[in-house]
């Protein structure tokens, strides 16, 4: 039996993809309910029946984004043969995606709700936790590099992970501001040129 208020031809995944695009382009607070329903091709009662609320729809759209568009980082950290190659692939692969004309510029997880009203605090924390998780994933790959002898014992992998995560997030903002592929690639070049100075034991406090 169809959920009340949902049209018979409702395709949940297609609607979710459309919502993802709108949130990605305009952010959480910048997206109105009417814009969402227009993009999704459904009416407000159908949206609430299928997703519960705007916030719940947003959270699901972010998870959908991470599954479809956020694979560059996970793929690089998982598949590259060395920690250095993993970090470099993470930066360069994301730069290519940020510059793609087929999708909104930048990363949805970075850009969708950096700031906002008190009512959106839960959304901001949700995205912040995803960004922290990404930094943790980078550090784990660097820690593996230490364990495998690629990086020297005592390398400050936490600082390195934070640095490269910050570069990646900054590239996302640069992309939204109109930076070209060439400009962002140059930033990635600079970040990788810093690798040698970062690969050293942490200072004693």
Protein backbone atom coordinates (compact mmCIF):
# COMPACT_ATOMS: atom_id res chain seq x y z
CA UNK A 1 0.00 0.00 0.00
CA UNK A 2 1.46 3.39 -0.97
CA UNK A 3 2.38 5.81 1.78
CA UNK A 4 -0.24 8.50 2.19
CA UNK A 5 0.53 11.60 0.15
CA UNK A 6 3.12 9.91 -2.05
CA UNK A 7 2.41 9.78 -5.81
CA UNK A 8 2.23 6.33 -7.34
CA UNK A 9 5.14 7.02 -9.68
CA UNK A 10 7.37 8.32 -6.89
CA UNK A 11 10.99 7.25 -7.37
CA UNK A 12 12.67 7.83 -4.03
CA UNK A 13 16.25 7.60 -5.28
CA UNK A 14 15.65 10.00 -8.17
CA UNK A 15 13.98 12.47 -5.80
CA UNK A 16 16.84 12.13 -3.33
CA UNK A 17 19.38 12.78 -6.07
CA UNK A 18 17.54 15.96 -7.05
CA UNK A 19 17.41 17.12 -3.43
CA UNK A 20 21.14 16.44 -3.12
CA UNK A 21 21.85 18.70 -6.10
CA UNK A 22 19.82 21.57 -4.64
CA UNK A 23 21.40 21.30 -1.19
CA UNK A 24 24.84 21.03 -2.78
CA UNK A 25 24.33 24.20 -4.79
CA UNK A 26 22.55 26.32 -2.18
CA UNK A 27 23.39 24.89 1.23
CA UNK A 28 20.99 23.77 3.93
CA UNK A 29 19.59 27.11 5.03
CA UNK A 30 19.71 28.56 1.52
CA UNK A 31 17.34 25.87 0.25
CA UNK A 32 13.61 26.40 0.68
CA UNK A 33 10.98 23.71 0.89
CA UNK A 34 9.40 24.98 -2.33
CA UNK A 35 12.73 24.67 -4.16
CA UNK A 36 13.11 21.13 -2.91
CA UNK A 37 9.64 20.00 -3.92
CA UNK A 38 10.02 21.64 -7.34
CA UNK A 39 13.34 19.91 -7.96
CA UNK A 40 12.08 16.56 -6.65
CA UNK A 41 8.83 16.73 -8.61
CA UNK A 42 6.68 16.06 -5.56
CA UNK A 43 4.50 18.03 -3.19
CA UNK A 44 5.27 18.87 0.43
CA UNK A 45 3.07 16.08 1.92
CA UNK A 46 4.97 13.54 -0.20
CA UNK A 47 8.30 14.92 0.96
CA UNK A 48 7.30 14.64 4.60
CA UNK A 49 5.82 11.17 4.07
CA UNK A 50 8.99 9.90 2.42
CA UNK A 51 11.69 11.71 4.41
CA UNK A 52 10.13 13.07 7.59
CA UNK A 53 11.47 16.63 7.55
CA UNK A 54 13.80 18.94 5.69
CA UNK A 55 16.64 18.11 8.09
CA UNK A 56 16.13 14.37 7.74
CA UNK A 57 16.04 14.77 3.96
CA UNK A 58 19.27 16.76 4.11
CA UNK A 59 21.02 14.13 6.22
CA UNK A 60 19.96 11.41 3.81
CA UNK A 61 21.04 13.54 0.85
CA UNK A 62 24.48 14.00 2.42
CA UNK A 63 24.84 10.26 2.94
CA UNK A 64 23.77 9.75 -0.66
CA UNK A 65 26.34 12.33 -1.76
CA UNK A 66 29.06 10.59 0.23
CA UNK A 67 28.17 7.31 -1.44
CA UNK A 68 28.06 8.71 -4.98
CA UNK A 69 30.41 11.68 -5.06
CA UNK A 70 32.56 11.37 -1.97
CA UNK A 71 34.45 8.25 -3.02
CA UNK A 72 37.64 9.96 -4.20
CA UNK A 73 39.09 10.29 -0.71
CA UNK A 74 38.11 6.82 0.46
CA UNK A 75 39.33 5.25 -2.76
CA UNK A 76 42.69 7.01 -2.57
CA UNK A 77 43.26 6.08 1.07
CA UNK A 78 42.23 2.49 0.43
CA UNK A 79 43.90 1.73 -2.88
CA UNK A 80 47.10 3.79 -3.17
CA UNK A 81 50.23 1.72 -2.41
CA UNK A 82 51.87 4.25 -0.08
CA UNK A 83 50.74 6.92 2.35
CA UNK A 84 52.26 9.65 0.20
CA UNK A 85 50.58 8.33 -2.93
CA UNK A 86 47.29 8.10 -1.03
CA UNK A 87 47.39 11.72 0.11
CA UNK A 88 48.45 12.94 -3.33
CA UNK A 89 45.70 10.95 -5.07
CA UNK A 90 43.18 12.24 -2.53
CA UNK A 91 44.06 15.85 -3.36
CA UNK A 92 44.33 15.47 -7.13
CA UNK A 93 41.27 13.28 -7.57
CA UNK A 94 39.13 15.64 -5.51
CA UNK A 95 40.44 18.64 -7.44
CA UNK A 96 39.27 17.02 -10.67
CA UNK A 97 35.84 16.39 -9.18
CA UNK A 98 35.58 19.92 -7.78
CA UNK A 99 36.36 21.32 -11.23
CA UNK A 100 33.92 19.06 -13.08
CA UNK A 101 31.29 21.07 -14.98
CA UNK A 102 28.76 18.27 -14.51
CA UNK A 103 28.32 18.88 -10.76
CA UNK A 104 28.20 21.91 -8.43
CA UNK A 105 31.72 23.08 -7.47
CA UNK A 106 33.32 21.96 -4.24
CA UNK A 107 32.36 19.42 -1.63
CA UNK A 108 28.82 19.33 -0.29
CA UNK A 109 30.00 18.20 3.16
CA UNK A 110 32.33 21.21 3.43
CA UNK A 111 30.05 23.84 1.94
CA UNK A 112 26.46 22.98 2.83
CA UNK A 113 26.30 24.40 6.36
CA UNK A 114 29.53 25.99 7.57
CA UNK A 115 27.53 28.69 9.34
CA UNK A 116 23.88 29.27 10.07
CA UNK A 117 21.19 29.89 12.63
CA UNK A 118 20.81 28.27 16.02
CA UNK A 119 18.09 26.06 14.59
CA UNK A 120 20.62 24.52 12.22
CA UNK A 121 23.15 23.61 14.90
CA UNK A 122 22.36 19.91 14.55
CA UNK A 123 23.03 20.04 10.82
CA UNK A 124 26.33 21.84 11.30
CA UNK A 125 27.47 19.31 13.89
CA UNK A 126 26.42 16.44 11.62
CA UNK A 127 28.64 17.79 8.84
CA UNK A 128 31.47 18.65 11.23
CA UNK A 129 31.49 15.07 12.46
CA UNK A 130 31.76 13.81 8.89
CA UNK A 131 34.72 16.14 8.30
CA UNK A 132 36.38 14.98 11.52
CA UNK A 133 35.86 11.39 10.43
CA UNK A 134 37.59 12.13 7.13
CA UNK A 135 40.58 13.60 8.98
CA UNK A 136 40.71 10.50 11.16
CA UNK A 137 40.74 8.31 8.03
CA UNK A 138 43.72 10.27 6.68
CA UNK A 139 45.57 9.86 9.97
CA UNK A 140 44.92 6.12 9.98
CA UNK A 141 46.49 5.86 6.53
CA UNK A 142 49.51 7.85 7.74
CA UNK A 143 49.76 5.66 10.85
CA UNK A 144 49.82 2.67 8.55
CA UNK A 145 52.70 4.33 6.71
CA UNK A 146 54.58 4.54 9.99
CA UNK A 147 53.83 0.90 10.79
CA UNK A 148 55.04 -0.18 7.34
CA UNK A 149 58.28 1.79 7.60
CA UNK A 150 57.44 4.40 4.98
CA UNK A 151 57.30 7.19 7.56
CA UNK A 152 59.74 7.46 10.47
CA UNK A 153 58.64 6.46 13.97
CA UNK A 154 57.23 9.39 15.89
CA UNK A 155 55.92 11.19 12.80
CA UNK A 156 53.19 13.59 13.90
CA UNK A 157 50.47 11.95 11.85
CA UNK A 158 47.74 13.92 13.62
CA UNK A 159 49.24 17.23 12.50
CA UNK A 160 49.83 15.92 8.98
CA UNK A 161 46.27 14.67 8.71
CA UNK A 162 44.90 17.98 9.94
CA UNK A 163 47.07 19.86 7.46
CA UNK A 164 46.02 17.85 4.42
CA UNK A 165 42.37 17.83 5.48
CA UNK A 166 42.56 21.63 5.78
CA UNK A 167 44.07 21.88 2.29
CA UNK A 168 41.32 19.67 0.91
CA UNK A 169 38.58 21.72 2.56
CA UNK A 170 40.20 24.95 1.40
CA UNK A 171 40.27 23.66 -2.17
CA UNK A 172 36.54 23.06 -1.91
CA UNK A 173 35.96 26.68 -0.94
CA UNK A 174 38.31 27.89 -3.67
CA UNK A 175 36.36 25.82 -6.17
CA UNK A 176 33.08 27.42 -5.09
CA UNK A 177 34.75 30.81 -5.49
CA UNK A 178 35.59 30.00 -9.10
CA UNK A 179 39.16 28.69 -8.93
CA UNK A 180 40.25 26.90 -12.08
CA UNK A 181 41.54 23.34 -12.32
CA UNK A 182 45.01 24.75 -12.98
CA UNK A 183 44.93 26.92 -9.85
CA UNK A 184 43.72 24.08 -7.64
CA UNK A 185 46.28 21.70 -9.12
CA UNK A 186 49.01 24.22 -8.25
CA UNK A 187 47.75 24.25 -4.65
CA UNK A 188 47.92 20.44 -4.56
CA UNK A 189 51.48 20.67 -5.93
CA UNK A 190 52.45 23.02 -3.11
CA UNK A 191 50.82 20.81 -0.49
CA UNK A 192 52.75 17.77 -1.70
CA UNK A 193 55.99 19.78 -1.85
CA UNK A 194 55.56 20.28 1.91
CA UNK A 195 55.51 16.52 2.54
CA UNK A 196 59.22 16.25 3.32
CA UNK A 197 59.09 18.97 5.98
CA UNK A 198 56.06 17.36 7.62
CA UNK A 199 57.46 13.84 7.80
CA UNK A 200 59.40 14.14 11.03
CA UNK A 201 58.88 13.14 14.66
CA UNK A 202 56.56 15.29 16.71
CA UNK A 203 58.23 17.82 18.98
CA UNK A 204 58.39 17.06 22.68
CA UNK A 205 56.18 19.34 24.73
